[in-house]
């Protein structure tokens, strides 16, 4: 079972999650400069629709930036970008791309929940693309997003869908005569849980990386506790490229049941108003009485 506690800080020179460190070169090549098929034809179009057109000079933090392809796309659109990832090797590869094509991106190797070297209220936008569910402690990075955003600043994050891609789920296809119906079987939805997800490598072998399931309500509470108010939820649907018969049959199934969620949340310094005697559950599951300072800048 997952314990949502503080993971050790990872600073420059430290080694990130070993499973991800071992896949750094594979992942860099897989994502390249445009993202792989699932990002390019499913997740990223919705992510960037939520981001919208940014004014030149917008300050952006790419949280869990990987090889930096999102950071590069935003930088080429005129944003000033800082990219953070705990993986020393993947940050090294992102910096190598920056040295070949300088865009002014500042790549930092650090735990996403320990960003004290960044100034409070110094960013207009925090982007996190398919990273939060891979972090053992996602509450701290969300807290840092809340701290680092200016009032009115936004977080736009994509994650595996907490309802339909829990790590303990499967597709079920029922065929009766000429009609097929697809179902998504899910178990253990309410429990915080740690598991692993598979990657098929070019030689056909399989590698696995950590994955942490948290129910949708957990994310809502963690965002609220970080001073971030949900403004928009989107469930990406596949583009024609992913629906092509040359690719995974999951494309058609995802048209029925979404496997990803994009969240847009806004930093708002508002007092929290609750009925007398009301209680809330914190992200760690404990009941507490909310205070008027719950959504104020720390």
Foldseek 3Di string as FASTA:
>chain_A
DAFQDDDDKAFPPGAFDVLCLVCQVVLCVCQPQQGHQCCNFWPVVVLDVLVDQDDAAAEEEAQQCFLPNVVVVVLVSRYQYEYEHQHNSRLVNNVVVCVVPPSNYHYTRIDLLDPPVAAFQAGQEYEYEAPLQQDSHNLSNLLVVLRRHHAFGKYKYKHFALVQPQVAKDKDWDDDPHDIDIDIGDPPSQDWDKDWDWDQGPVRDIGIGIGIHHHPVLVCQSNLLSQWAWDDKDFIQGDVVCVDPVHDVVNVVCNVPGGMMITMIGRHAFFDDDDPPDWDAHSSGDIDDDGRCSNHHD
